[in-house]
Amino acid sequence: MEITIQISDSLGRELQPYQDRLPEILERGLQELLAETSVEFHDENLIMELLTSQPPPEQVLGIQPSTELQARISELLDRNKKSELSPQEENELERHLMLEHLVRLAKAHAYKHIAK
């Protein structure tokens, strides 16, 4: 694919010695941007949608539950220790724990992919 962009003269001079490596420079820059934009997820379905979309490893590493979702999981875990969960809440907790396990596996895979 060919892409044409406008850049400043000073940036052009800096890039001139690396003309043959411009695709690599763009790819590295994009990976860095994706890594610093971690996304908080409020819904487990959104996390599953992301994981099944085959995202780049850097995006997988940025997956985090929102503070609200994390608070709900903590609440369920605390109440589970006291045997206070309803059957529906037990199912909800199990879903969250399974999703957390899948995200950890995906992150481990992403780390291996980046380390290559």
PDB file of N, CA and C in Angstrom:
ATOM      1  N   MET A   1       0.848  -1.164   0.000  1.00  0.00           N
ATOM      2  CA  MET A   1       0.000   0.000   0.000  1.00  0.00           C
ATOM      3  C   MET A   1       0.898   1.233   0.000  1.00  0.00           C
ATOM      4  N   GLU A   2       0.517   2.208  -0.739  1.00  0.00           N
ATOM      5  CA  GLU A   2       1.271   3.454  -0.783  1.00  0.00           C
ATOM      6  C   GLU A   2       0.488   4.516  -0.027  1.00  0.00           C
ATOM      7  N   ILE A   3       1.206   5.254   0.842  1.00  0.00           N
ATOM      8  CA  ILE A   3       0.600   6.336   1.614  1.00  0.00           C
ATOM      9  C   ILE A   3       1.452   7.584   1.419  1.00  0.00           C
ATOM     10  N   THR A   4       0.809   8.709   1.178  1.00  0.00           N
ATOM     11  CA  THR A   4       1.506   9.982   1.015  1.00  0.00           C
ATOM     12  C   THR A   4       1.117  10.880   2.181  1.00  0.00           C
ATOM     13  N   ILE A   5       2.147  11.476   2.824  1.00  0.00           N
ATOM     14  CA  ILE A   5       1.879  12.376   3.948  1.00  0.00           C
ATOM     15  C   ILE A   5       2.693  13.648   3.798  1.00  0.00           C
ATOM     16  N   GLN A   6       2.234  14.712   4.421  1.00  0.00           N
ATOM     17  CA  GLN A   6       2.951  15.985   4.473  1.00  0.00           C
ATOM     18  C   GLN A   6       3.678  16.050   5.817  1.00  0.00           C
ATOM     19  N   ILE A   7       4.970  16.328   5.787  1.00  0.00           N
ATOM     20  CA  ILE A   7       5.741  16.481   7.019  1.00  0.00           C
ATOM     21  C   ILE A   7       6.542  17.774   6.930  1.00  0.00           C
ATOM     22  N   SER A   8       7.028  18.220   8.068  1.00  0.00           N
ATOM     23  CA  SER A   8       7.818  19.455   8.088  1.00  0.00           C
ATOM     24  C   SER A   8       9.169  19.214   7.423  1.00  0.00           C
ATOM     25  N   ASP A   9       9.792  20.293   6.971  1.00  0.00           N
ATOM     26  CA  ASP A   9      11.119  20.191   6.338  1.00  0.00           C
ATOM     27  C   ASP A   9      12.139  19.608   7.306  1.00  0.00           C
ATOM     28  N   SER A  10      12.071  20.028   8.578  1.00  0.00           N
ATOM     29  CA  SER A  10      13.057  19.537   9.552  1.00  0.00           C
ATOM     30  C   SER A  10      12.899  18.026   9.778  1.00  0.00           C
ATOM     31  N   LEU A  11      11.653  17.543   9.857  1.00  0.00           N
ATOM     32  CA  LEU A  11      11.442  16.104  10.008  1.00  0.00           C
ATOM     33  C   LEU A  11      11.906  15.369   8.752  1.00  0.00           C
ATOM     34  N   GLY A  12      11.649  15.942   7.612  1.00  0.00           N
ATOM     35  CA  GLY A  12      12.106  15.345   6.354  1.00  0.00           C
ATOM     36  C   GLY A  12      13.613  15.180   6.325  1.00  0.00           C
ATOM     37  N   ARG A  13      14.330  16.210   6.791  1.00  0.00           N
ATOM     38  CA  ARG A  13      15.806  16.119   6.839  1.00  0.00           C
ATOM     39  C   ARG A  13      16.246  15.019   7.809  1.00  0.00           C
ATOM     40  N   GLU A  14      15.557  14.906   8.940  1.00  0.00           N
ATOM     41  CA  GLU A  14      15.909  13.864   9.910  1.00  0.00           C
ATOM     42  C   GLU A  14      15.662  12.466   9.347  1.00  0.00           C
ATOM     43  N   LEU A  15      14.592  12.316   8.568  1.00  0.00           N
ATOM     44  CA  LEU A  15      14.228  11.003   8.020  1.00  0.00           C
ATOM     45  C   LEU A  15      15.028  10.622   6.775  1.00  0.00           C
ATOM     46  N   GLN A  16      15.626  11.599   6.115  1.00  0.00           N
ATOM     47  CA  GLN A  16      16.333  11.357   4.860  1.00  0.00           C
ATOM     48  C   GLN A  16      17.311  10.172   4.942  1.00  0.00           C
ATOM     49  N   PRO A  17      18.153  10.077   5.967  1.00  0.00           N
ATOM     50  CA  PRO A  17      19.097   8.946   6.011  1.00  0.00           C
ATOM     51  C   PRO A  17      18.401   7.582   6.205  1.00  0.00           C
ATOM     52  N   TYR A  18      17.139   7.591   6.612  1.00  0.00           N
ATOM     53  CA  TYR A  18      16.414   6.355   6.909  1.00  0.00           C
ATOM     54  C   TYR A  18      15.319   6.062   5.888  1.00  0.00           C
ATOM     55  N   GLN A  19      15.422   6.641   4.709  1.00  0.00           N
ATOM     56  CA  GLN A  19      14.389   6.504   3.692  1.00  0.00           C
ATOM     57  C   GLN A  19      13.996   5.058   3.435  1.00  0.00           C
ATOM     58  N   ASP A  20      14.967   4.175   3.385  1.00  0.00           N
ATOM     59  CA  ASP A  20      14.674   2.768   3.096  1.00  0.00           C
ATOM     60  C   ASP A  20      14.051   2.035   4.288  1.00  0.00           C
ATOM     61  N   ARG A  21      14.014   2.681   5.449  1.00  0.00           N
ATOM     62  CA  ARG A  21      13.458   2.040   6.650  1.00  0.00           C
ATOM     63  C   ARG A  21      12.174   2.717   7.136  1.00  0.00           C
ATOM     64  N   LEU A  22      11.564   3.557   6.313  1.00  0.00           N
ATOM     65  CA  LEU A  22      10.360   4.274   6.734  1.00  0.00           C
ATOM     66  C   LEU A  22       9.216   3.353   7.156  1.00  0.00           C
ATOM     67  N   PRO A  23       8.938   2.256   6.440  1.00  0.00           N
ATOM     68  CA  PRO A  23       7.868   1.367   6.925  1.00  0.00           C
ATOM     69  C   PRO A  23       8.159   0.823   8.329  1.00  0.00           C
ATOM     70  N   GLU A  24       9.407   0.471   8.583  1.00  0.00           N
ATOM     71  CA  GLU A  24       9.783  -0.029   9.906  1.00  0.00           C
ATOM     72  C   GLU A  24       9.611   1.051  10.974  1.00  0.00           C
ATOM     73  N   ILE A  25       9.997   2.275  10.641  1.00  0.00           N
ATOM     74  CA  ILE A  25       9.856   3.394  11.586  1.00  0.00           C
ATOM     75  C   ILE A  25       8.389   3.627  11.920  1.00  0.00           C
ATOM     76  N   LEU A  26       7.536   3.610  10.912  1.00  0.00           N
ATOM     77  CA  LEU A  26       6.103   3.779  11.155  1.00  0.00           C
ATOM     78  C   LEU A  26       5.533   2.644  11.998  1.00  0.00           C
ATOM     79  N   GLU A  27       5.942   1.421  11.699  1.00  0.00           N
ATOM     80  CA  GLU A  27       5.436   0.273  12.448  1.00  0.00           C
ATOM     81  C   GLU A  27       5.856   0.356  13.912  1.00  0.00           C
ATOM     82  N   ARG A  28       7.122   0.690  14.159  1.00  0.00           N
ATOM     83  CA  ARG A  28       7.586   0.821  15.543  1.00  0.00           C
ATOM     84  C   ARG A  28       6.853   1.934  16.278  1.00  0.00           C
ATOM     85  N   GLY A  29       6.641   3.057  15.589  1.00  0.00           N
ATOM     86  CA  GLY A  29       5.918   4.164  16.204  1.00  0.00           C
ATOM     87  C   GLY A  29       4.489   3.787  16.542  1.00  0.00           C
ATOM     88  N   LEU A  30       3.845   3.065  15.639  1.00  0.00           N
ATOM     89  CA  LEU A  30       2.470   2.622  15.878  1.00  0.00           C
ATOM     90  C   LEU A  30       2.415   1.666  17.060  1.00  0.00           C
ATOM     91  N   GLN A  31       3.356   0.733  17.147  1.00  0.00           N
ATOM     92  CA  GLN A  31       3.381  -0.208  18.272  1.00  0.00           C
ATOM     93  C   GLN A  31       3.542   0.544  19.588  1.00  0.00           C
ATOM     94  N   GLU A  32       4.383   1.561  19.582  1.00  0.00           N
ATOM     95  CA  GLU A  32       4.600   2.349  20.795  1.00  0.00           C
ATOM     96  C   GLU A  32       3.322   3.096  21.194  1.00  0.00           C
ATOM     97  N   LEU A  33       2.644   3.669  20.207  1.00  0.00           N
ATOM     98  CA  LEU A  33       1.386   4.365  20.498  1.00  0.00           C
ATOM     99  C   LEU A  33       0.334   3.426  21.048  1.00  0.00           C
ATOM    100  N   LEU A  34       0.212   2.254  20.449  1.00  0.00           N
ATOM    101  CA  LEU A  34      -0.771   1.282  20.925  1.00  0.00           C
ATOM    102  C   LEU A  34      -0.458   0.845  22.346  1.00  0.00           C
ATOM    103  N   ALA A  35       0.812   0.696  22.654  1.00  0.00           N
ATOM    104  CA  ALA A  35       1.208   0.247  23.988  1.00  0.00           C
ATOM    105  C   ALA A  35       0.886   1.286  25.053  1.00  0.00           C
ATOM    106  N   GLU A  36       0.980   2.566  24.704  1.00  0.00           N
ATOM    107  CA  GLU A  36       0.724   3.584  25.723  1.00  0.00           C
ATOM    108  C   GLU A  36      -0.746   3.944  25.845  1.00  0.00           C
ATOM    109  N   THR A  37      -1.570   3.484  24.940  1.00  0.00           N
ATOM    110  CA  THR A  37      -3.001   3.759  25.032  1.00  0.00           C
ATOM    111  C   THR A  37      -3.719   2.534  25.569  1.00  0.00           C
ATOM    112  N   SER A  38      -3.545   2.297  26.864  1.00  0.00           N
ATOM    113  CA  SER A  38      -4.252   1.164  27.442  1.00  0.00           C
ATOM    114  C   SER A  38      -5.723   1.546  27.579  1.00  0.00           C
ATOM    115  N   VAL A  39      -6.553   0.601  27.300  1.00  0.00           N
ATOM    116  CA  VAL A  39      -7.984   0.847  27.282  1.00  0.00           C
ATOM    117  C   VAL A  39      -8.621   0.170  28.483  1.00  0.00           C
ATOM    118  N   GLU A  40      -9.413   0.932  29.222  1.00  0.00           N
ATOM    119  CA  GLU A  40     -10.167   0.346  30.322  1.00  0.00           C
ATOM    120  C   GLU A  40     -11.483  -0.185  29.786  1.00  0.00           C
ATOM    121  N   PHE A  41     -11.797  -1.402  30.156  1.00  0.00           N
ATOM    122  CA  PHE A  41     -13.017  -2.029  29.682  1.00  0.00           C
ATOM    123  C   PHE A  41     -14.026  -2.097  30.808  1.00  0.00           C
ATOM    124  N   HIS A  42     -15.240  -1.674  30.503  1.00  0.00           N
ATOM    125  CA  HIS A  42     -16.325  -1.681  31.475  1.00  0.00           C
ATOM    126  C   HIS A  42     -17.166  -2.945  31.347  1.00  0.00           C
ATOM    127  N   ASP A  43     -16.981  -3.676  30.284  1.00  0.00           N
ATOM    128  CA  ASP A  43     -17.863  -4.791  29.969  1.00  0.00           C
ATOM    129  C   ASP A  43     -17.026  -5.970  29.490  1.00  0.00           C
ATOM    130  N   GLU A  44     -17.286  -7.129  30.032  1.00  0.00           N
ATOM    131  CA  GLU A  44     -16.515  -8.312  29.632  1.00  0.00           C
ATOM    132  C   GLU A  44     -16.733  -8.665  28.168  1.00  0.00           C
ATOM    133  N   ASN A  45     -17.885  -8.321  27.603  1.00  0.00           N
ATOM    134  CA  ASN A  45     -18.130  -8.601  26.189  1.00  0.00           C
ATOM    135  C   ASN A  45     -17.186  -7.809  25.289  1.00  0.00           C
ATOM    136  N   LEU A  46     -16.863  -6.583  25.681  1.00  0.00           N
ATOM    137  CA  LEU A  46     -15.926  -5.778  24.892  1.00  0.00           C
ATOM    138  C   LEU A  46     -14.526  -6.391  24.909  1.00  0.00           C
ATOM    139  N   ILE A  47     -14.140  -6.935  26.049  1.00  0.00           N
ATOM    140  CA  ILE A  47     -12.830  -7.594  26.130  1.00  0.00           C
ATOM    141  C   ILE A  47     -12.804  -8.803  25.212  1.00  0.00           C
ATOM    142  N   MET A  48     -13.872  -9.593  25.223  1.00  0.00           N
ATOM    143  CA  MET A  48     -13.926 -10.765  24.346  1.00  0.00           C
ATOM    144  C   MET A  48     -13.912 -10.356  22.878  1.00  0.00           C
ATOM    145  N   GLU A  49     -14.631  -9.280  22.543  1.00  0.00           N
ATOM    146  CA  GLU A  49     -14.617  -8.791  21.164  1.00  0.00           C
ATOM    147  C   GLU A  49     -13.206  -8.416  20.743  1.00  0.00           C
ATOM    148  N   LEU A  50     -12.484  -7.741  21.619  1.00  0.00           N
ATOM    149  CA  LEU A  50     -11.113  -7.356  21.301  1.00  0.00           C
ATOM    150  C   LEU A  50     -10.234  -8.585  21.118  1.00  0.00           C
ATOM    151  N   LEU A  51     -10.305  -9.514  22.051  1.00  0.00           N
ATOM    152  CA  LEU A  51      -9.444 -10.697  21.969  1.00  0.00           C
ATOM    153  C   LEU A  51      -9.706 -11.521  20.712  1.00  0.00           C
ATOM    154  N   THR A  52     -10.943 -11.591  20.291  1.00  0.00           N
ATOM    155  CA  THR A  52     -11.265 -12.391  19.112  1.00  0.00           C
ATOM    156  C   THR A  52     -11.005 -11.643  17.803  1.00  0.00           C
ATOM    157  N   SER A  53     -10.656 -10.356  17.889  1.00  0.00           N
ATOM    158  CA  SER A  53     -10.379  -9.585  16.672  1.00  0.00           C
ATOM    159  C   SER A  53      -8.921  -9.688  16.239  1.00  0.00           C
ATOM    160  N   GLN A  54      -8.137 -10.495  16.930  1.00  0.00           N
ATOM    161  CA  GLN A  54      -6.719 -10.685  16.650  1.00  0.00           C
ATOM    162  C   GLN A  54      -5.949  -9.357  16.671  1.00  0.00           C
ATOM    163  N   PRO A  55      -5.997  -8.661  17.806  1.00  0.00           N
ATOM    164  CA  PRO A  55      -5.323  -7.365  17.912  1.00  0.00           C
ATOM    165  C   PRO A  55      -3.810  -7.537  17.965  1.00  0.00           C
ATOM    166  N   PRO A  56      -3.063  -6.468  17.727  1.00  0.00           N
ATOM    167  CA  PRO A  56      -1.606  -6.550  17.868  1.00  0.00           C
ATOM    168  C   PRO A  56      -1.240  -6.798  19.335  1.00  0.00           C
ATOM    169  N   PRO A  57      -0.096  -7.407  19.593  1.00  0.00           N
ATOM    170  CA  PRO A  57       0.299  -7.731  20.967  1.00  0.00           C
ATOM    171  C   PRO A  57       0.273  -6.530  21.914  1.00  0.00           C
ATOM    172  N   GLU A  58       0.664  -5.369  21.421  1.00  0.00           N
ATOM    173  CA  GLU A  58       0.698  -4.185  22.276  1.00  0.00           C
ATOM    174  C   GLU A  58      -0.696  -3.812  22.773  1.00  0.00           C
ATOM    175  N   GLN A  59      -1.691  -4.038  21.949  1.00  0.00           N
ATOM    176  CA  GLN A  59      -3.056  -3.727  22.363  1.00  0.00           C
ATOM    177  C   GLN A  59      -3.538  -4.730  23.401  1.00  0.00           C
ATOM    178  N   VAL A  60      -3.160  -5.984  23.246  1.00  0.00           N
ATOM    179  CA  VAL A  60      -3.514  -7.007  24.231  1.00  0.00           C
ATOM    180  C   VAL A  60      -2.898  -6.651  25.585  1.00  0.00           C
ATOM    181  N   LEU A  61      -1.647  -6.207  25.567  1.00  0.00           N
ATOM    182  CA  LEU A  61      -0.967  -5.871  26.821  1.00  0.00           C
ATOM    183  C   LEU A  61      -1.610  -4.673  27.515  1.00  0.00           C
ATOM    184  N   GLY A  62      -2.351  -3.856  26.780  1.00  0.00           N
ATOM    185  CA  GLY A  62      -2.998  -2.693  27.366  1.00  0.00           C
ATOM    186  C   GLY A  62      -4.374  -2.953  27.943  1.00  0.00           C
ATOM    187  N   ILE A  63      -4.853  -4.181  27.860  1.00  0.00           N
ATOM    188  CA  ILE A  63      -6.190  -4.493  28.372  1.00  0.00           C
ATOM    189  C   ILE A  63      -6.213  -4.357  29.895  1.00  0.00           C
ATOM    190  N   GLN A  64      -7.177  -3.602  30.383  1.00  0.00           N
ATOM    191  CA  GLN A  64      -7.381  -3.434  31.818  1.00  0.00           C
ATOM    192  C   GLN A  64      -8.872  -3.329  32.095  1.00  0.00           C
ATOM    193  N   PRO A  65      -9.317  -3.878  33.214  1.00  0.00           N
ATOM    194  CA  PRO A  65     -10.720  -3.657  33.574  1.00  0.00           C
ATOM    195  C   PRO A  65     -10.880  -2.222  34.078  1.00  0.00           C
ATOM    196  N   SER A  66     -12.052  -1.663  33.891  1.00  0.00           N
ATOM    197  CA  SER A  66     -12.320  -0.331  34.443  1.00  0.00           C
ATOM    198  C   SER A  66     -12.312  -0.433  35.968  1.00  0.00           C
ATOM    199  N   THR A  67     -12.233   0.708  36.624  1.00  0.00           N
ATOM    200  CA  THR A  67     -12.272   0.694  38.093  1.00  0.00           C
ATOM    201  C   THR A  67     -13.608   0.154  38.586  1.00  0.00           C
ATOM    202  N   GLU A  68     -14.680   0.439  37.819  1.00  0.00           N
ATOM    203  CA  GLU A  68     -16.001  -0.065  38.203  1.00  0.00           C
ATOM    204  C   GLU A  68     -16.056  -1.592  38.112  1.00  0.00           C
ATOM    205  N   LEU A  69     -15.542  -2.138  37.017  1.00  0.00           N
ATOM    206  CA  LEU A  69     -15.547  -3.591  36.847  1.00  0.00           C
ATOM    207  C   LEU A  69     -14.666  -4.253  37.899  1.00  0.00           C
ATOM    208  N   GLN A  70     -13.502  -3.670  38.154  1.00  0.00           N
ATOM    209  CA  GLN A  70     -12.606  -4.216  39.171  1.00  0.00           C
ATOM    210  C   GLN A  70     -13.260  -4.172  40.549  1.00  0.00           C
ATOM    211  N   ALA A  71     -13.980  -3.095  40.843  1.00  0.00           N
ATOM    212  CA  ALA A  71     -14.673  -2.991  42.130  1.00  0.00           C
ATOM    213  C   ALA A  71     -15.746  -4.067  42.250  1.00  0.00           C
ATOM    214  N   ARG A  72     -16.463  -4.310  41.165  1.00  0.00           N
ATOM    215  CA  ARG A  72     -17.510  -5.349  41.196  1.00  0.00           C
ATOM    216  C   ARG A  72     -16.888  -6.720  41.438  1.00  0.00           C
ATOM    217  N   ILE A  73     -15.795  -7.009  40.771  1.00  0.00           N
ATOM    218  CA  ILE A  73     -15.131  -8.305  40.959  1.00  0.00           C
ATOM    219  C   ILE A  73     -14.639  -8.439  42.400  1.00  0.00           C
ATOM    220  N   SER A  74     -14.056  -7.368  42.925  1.00  0.00           N
ATOM    221  CA  SER A  74     -13.579  -7.396  44.321  1.00  0.00           C
ATOM    222  C   SER A  74     -14.723  -7.635  45.293  1.00  0.00           C
ATOM    223  N   GLU A  75     -15.843  -6.968  45.029  1.00  0.00           N
ATOM    224  CA  GLU A  75     -17.025  -7.153  45.880  1.00  0.00           C
ATOM    225  C   GLU A  75     -17.489  -8.619  45.839  1.00  0.00           C
ATOM    226  N   LEU A  76     -17.560  -9.182  44.629  1.00  0.00           N
ATOM    227  CA  LEU A  76     -17.986 -10.577  44.496  1.00  0.00           C
ATOM    228  C   LEU A  76     -17.009 -11.523  45.190  1.00  0.00           C
ATOM    229  N   LEU A  77     -15.730 -11.256  45.063  1.00  0.00           N
ATOM    230  CA  LEU A  77     -14.734 -12.108  45.727  1.00  0.00           C
ATOM    231  C   LEU A  77     -14.866 -12.038  47.243  1.00  0.00           C
ATOM    232  N   ASP A  78     -15.047 -10.831  47.765  1.00  0.00           N
ATOM    233  CA  ASP A  78     -15.208 -10.668  49.216  1.00  0.00           C
ATOM    234  C   ASP A  78     -16.456 -11.402  49.719  1.00  0.00           C
ATOM    235  N   ARG A  79     -17.553 -11.226  49.000  1.00  0.00           N
ATOM    236  CA  ARG A  79     -18.795 -11.878  49.411  1.00  0.00           C
ATOM    237  C   ARG A  79     -18.709 -13.389  49.220  1.00  0.00           C
ATOM    238  N   ASN A  80     -17.939 -13.831  48.251  1.00  0.00           N
ATOM    239  CA  ASN A  80     -17.761 -15.270  48.038  1.00  0.00           C
ATOM    240  C   ASN A  80     -17.030 -15.907  49.220  1.00  0.00           C
ATOM    241  N   LYS A  81     -16.037 -15.200  49.754  1.00  0.00           N
ATOM    242  CA  LYS A  81     -15.305 -15.703  50.921  1.00  0.00           C
ATOM    243  C   LYS A  81     -16.235 -15.909  52.115  1.00  0.00           C
ATOM    244  N   LYS A  82     -17.264 -15.104  52.194  1.00  0.00           N
ATOM    245  CA  LYS A  82     -18.228 -15.196  53.298  1.00  0.00           C
ATOM    246  C   LYS A  82     -19.421 -16.081  52.936  1.00  0.00           C
ATOM    247  N   SER A  83     -19.361 -16.722  51.781  1.00  0.00           N
ATOM    248  CA  SER A  83     -20.452 -17.580  51.289  1.00  0.00           C
ATOM    249  C   SER A  83     -21.780 -16.826  51.213  1.00  0.00           C
ATOM    250  N   GLU A  84     -21.727 -15.598  50.703  1.00  0.00           N
ATOM    251  CA  GLU A  84     -22.920 -14.754  50.631  1.00  0.00           C
ATOM    252  C   GLU A  84     -23.427 -14.538  49.207  1.00  0.00           C
ATOM    253  N   LEU A  85     -22.911 -15.277  48.233  1.00  0.00           N
ATOM    254  CA  LEU A  85     -23.313 -15.043  46.843  1.00  0.00           C
ATOM    255  C   LEU A  85     -24.563 -15.831  46.470  1.00  0.00           C
ATOM    256  N   SER A  86     -25.409 -15.187  45.705  1.00  0.00           N
ATOM    257  CA  SER A  86     -26.556 -15.898  45.129  1.00  0.00           C
ATOM    258  C   SER A  86     -26.033 -16.760  43.976  1.00  0.00           C
ATOM    259  N   PRO A  87     -26.817 -17.713  43.508  1.00  0.00           N
ATOM    260  CA  PRO A  87     -26.382 -18.523  42.366  1.00  0.00           C
ATOM    261  C   PRO A  87     -26.045 -17.663  41.139  1.00  0.00           C
ATOM    262  N   GLN A  88     -26.795 -16.588  40.893  1.00  0.00           N
ATOM    263  CA  GLN A  88     -26.515 -15.703  39.757  1.00  0.00           C
ATOM    264  C   GLN A  88     -25.171 -14.998  39.940  1.00  0.00           C
ATOM    265  N   GLU A  89     -24.903 -14.572  41.166  1.00  0.00           N
ATOM    266  CA  GLU A  89     -23.633 -13.898  41.441  1.00  0.00           C
ATOM    267  C   GLU A  89     -22.456 -14.874  41.348  1.00  0.00           C
ATOM    268  N   GLU A  90     -22.680 -16.123  41.751  1.00  0.00           N
ATOM    269  CA  GLU A  90     -21.630 -17.137  41.587  1.00  0.00           C
ATOM    270  C   GLU A  90     -21.291 -17.322  40.115  1.00  0.00           C
ATOM    271  N   ASN A  91     -22.318 -17.349  39.275  1.00  0.00           N
ATOM    272  CA  ASN A  91     -22.095 -17.460  37.829  1.00  0.00           C
ATOM    273  C   ASN A  91     -21.363 -16.234  37.294  1.00  0.00           C
ATOM    274  N   GLU A  92     -21.753 -15.066  37.763  1.00  0.00           N
ATOM    275  CA  GLU A  92     -21.098 -13.826  37.327  1.00  0.00           C
ATOM    276  C   GLU A  92     -19.619 -13.841  37.709  1.00  0.00           C
ATOM    277  N   LEU A  93     -19.330 -14.239  38.952  1.00  0.00           N
ATOM    278  CA  LEU A  93     -17.945 -14.306  39.409  1.00  0.00           C
ATOM    279  C   LEU A  93     -17.157 -15.311  38.576  1.00  0.00           C
ATOM    280  N   GLU A  94     -17.744 -16.450  38.305  1.00  0.00           N
ATOM    281  CA  GLU A  94     -17.068 -17.475  37.502  1.00  0.00           C
ATOM    282  C   GLU A  94     -16.734 -16.941  36.104  1.00  0.00           C
ATOM    283  N   ARG A  95     -17.667 -16.205  35.501  1.00  0.00           N
ATOM    284  CA  ARG A  95     -17.421 -15.604  34.179  1.00  0.00           C
ATOM    285  C   ARG A  95     -16.252 -14.621  34.240  1.00  0.00           C
ATOM    286  N   HIS A  96     -16.254 -13.778  35.274  1.00  0.00           N
ATOM    287  CA  HIS A  96     -15.171 -12.797  35.417  1.00  0.00           C
ATOM    288  C   HIS A  96     -13.825 -13.494  35.601  1.00  0.00           C
ATOM    289  N   LEU A  97     -13.794 -14.528  36.420  1.00  0.00           N
ATOM    290  CA  LEU A  97     -12.538 -15.241  36.661  1.00  0.00           C
ATOM    291  C   LEU A  97     -12.044 -15.958  35.404  1.00  0.00           C
ATOM    292  N   MET A  98     -12.972 -16.531  34.643  1.00  0.00           N
ATOM    293  CA  MET A  98     -12.593 -17.182  33.391  1.00  0.00           C
ATOM    294  C   MET A  98     -12.032 -16.155  32.403  1.00  0.00           C
ATOM    295  N   LEU A  99     -12.675 -15.003  32.317  1.00  0.00           N
ATOM    296  CA  LEU A  99     -12.209 -13.956  31.419  1.00  0.00           C
ATOM    297  C   LEU A  99     -10.831 -13.458  31.855  1.00  0.00           C
ATOM    298  N   GLU A 100     -10.643 -13.282  33.148  1.00  0.00           N
ATOM    299  CA  GLU A 100      -9.332 -12.859  33.651  1.00  0.00           C
ATOM    300  C   GLU A 100      -8.264 -13.873  33.259  1.00  0.00           C
ATOM    301  N   HIS A 101      -8.583 -15.147  33.369  1.00  0.00           N
ATOM    302  CA  HIS A 101      -7.648 -16.200  32.979  1.00  0.00           C
ATOM    303  C   HIS A 101      -7.312 -16.104  31.486  1.00  0.00           C
ATOM    304  N   LEU A 102      -8.327 -15.896  30.654  1.00  0.00           N
ATOM    305  CA  LEU A 102      -8.095 -15.765  29.205  1.00  0.00           C
ATOM    306  C   LEU A 102      -7.229 -14.551  28.881  1.00  0.00           C
ATOM    307  N   VAL A 103      -7.479 -13.442  29.561  1.00  0.00           N
ATOM    308  CA  VAL A 103      -6.685 -12.236  29.323  1.00  0.00           C
ATOM    309  C   VAL A 103      -5.231 -12.473  29.736  1.00  0.00           C
ATOM    310  N   ARG A 104      -5.035 -13.149  30.858  1.00  0.00           N
ATOM    311  CA  ARG A 104      -3.656 -13.455  31.286  1.00  0.00           C
ATOM    312  C   ARG A 104      -2.944 -14.337  30.270  1.00  0.00           C
ATOM    313  N   LEU A 105      -3.645 -15.335  29.741  1.00  0.00           N
ATOM    314  CA  LEU A 105      -3.050 -16.184  28.708  1.00  0.00           C
ATOM    315  C   LEU A 105      -2.716 -15.371  27.459  1.00  0.00           C
ATOM    316  N   ALA A 106      -3.637 -14.497  27.066  1.00  0.00           N
ATOM    317  CA  ALA A 106      -3.405 -13.660  25.881  1.00  0.00           C
ATOM    318  C   ALA A 106      -2.217 -12.728  26.100  1.00  0.00           C
ATOM    319  N   LYS A 107      -2.100 -12.167  27.304  1.00  0.00           N
ATOM    320  CA  LYS A 107      -0.971 -11.281  27.595  1.00  0.00           C
ATOM    321  C   LYS A 107       0.348 -12.046  27.598  1.00  0.00           C
ATOM    322  N   ALA A 108       0.350 -13.259  28.129  1.00  0.00           N
ATOM    323  CA  ALA A 108       1.556 -14.074  28.117  1.00  0.00           C
ATOM    324  C   ALA A 108       1.979 -14.357  26.678  1.00  0.00           C
ATOM    325  N   HIS A 109       1.013 -14.683  25.835  1.00  0.00           N
ATOM    326  CA  HIS A 109       1.297 -14.919  24.423  1.00  0.00           C
ATOM    327  C   HIS A 109       1.830 -13.647  23.760  1.00  0.00           C
ATOM    328  N   ALA A 110       1.239 -12.510  24.089  1.00  0.00           N
ATOM    329  CA  ALA A 110       1.664 -11.243  23.502  1.00  0.00           C
ATOM    330  C   ALA A 110       3.093 -10.906  23.916  1.00  0.00           C
ATOM    331  N   TYR A 111       3.438 -11.139  25.187  1.00  0.00           N
ATOM    332  CA  TYR A 111       4.805 -10.905  25.639  1.00  0.00           C
ATOM    333  C   TYR A 111       5.792 -11.763  24.859  1.00  0.00           C
ATOM    334  N   LYS A 112       5.445 -13.027  24.648  1.00  0.00           N
ATOM    335  CA  LYS A 112       6.325 -13.919  23.880  1.00  0.00           C
ATOM    336  C   LYS A 112       6.490 -13.411  22.456  1.00  0.00           C
ATOM    337  N   HIS A 113       5.412 -12.936  21.862  1.00  0.00           N
ATOM    338  CA  HIS A 113       5.454 -12.449  20.481  1.00  0.00           C
ATOM    339  C   HIS A 113       6.350 -11.214  20.366  1.00  0.00           C
ATOM    340  N   ILE A 114       6.259 -10.323  21.339  1.00  0.00           N
ATOM    341  CA  ILE A 114       7.081  -9.102  21.320  1.00  0.00           C
ATOM    342  C   ILE A 114       8.551  -9.427  21.555  1.00  0.00           C
ATOM    343  N   ALA A 115       8.806 -10.424  22.395  1.00  0.00           N
ATOM    344  CA  ALA A 115      10.190 -10.777  22.741  1.00  0.00           C
ATOM    345  C   ALA A 115      10.957 -11.424  21.597  1.00  0.00           C
ATOM    346  N   LYS A 116      10.257 -11.856  20.553  1.00  0.00           N
ATOM    347  CA  LYS A 116      10.942 -12.522  19.429  1.00  0.00           C
ATOM    348  C   LYS A 116      11.897 -11.609  18.727  1.00  0.00           C
TER     349      LYS A 116
END
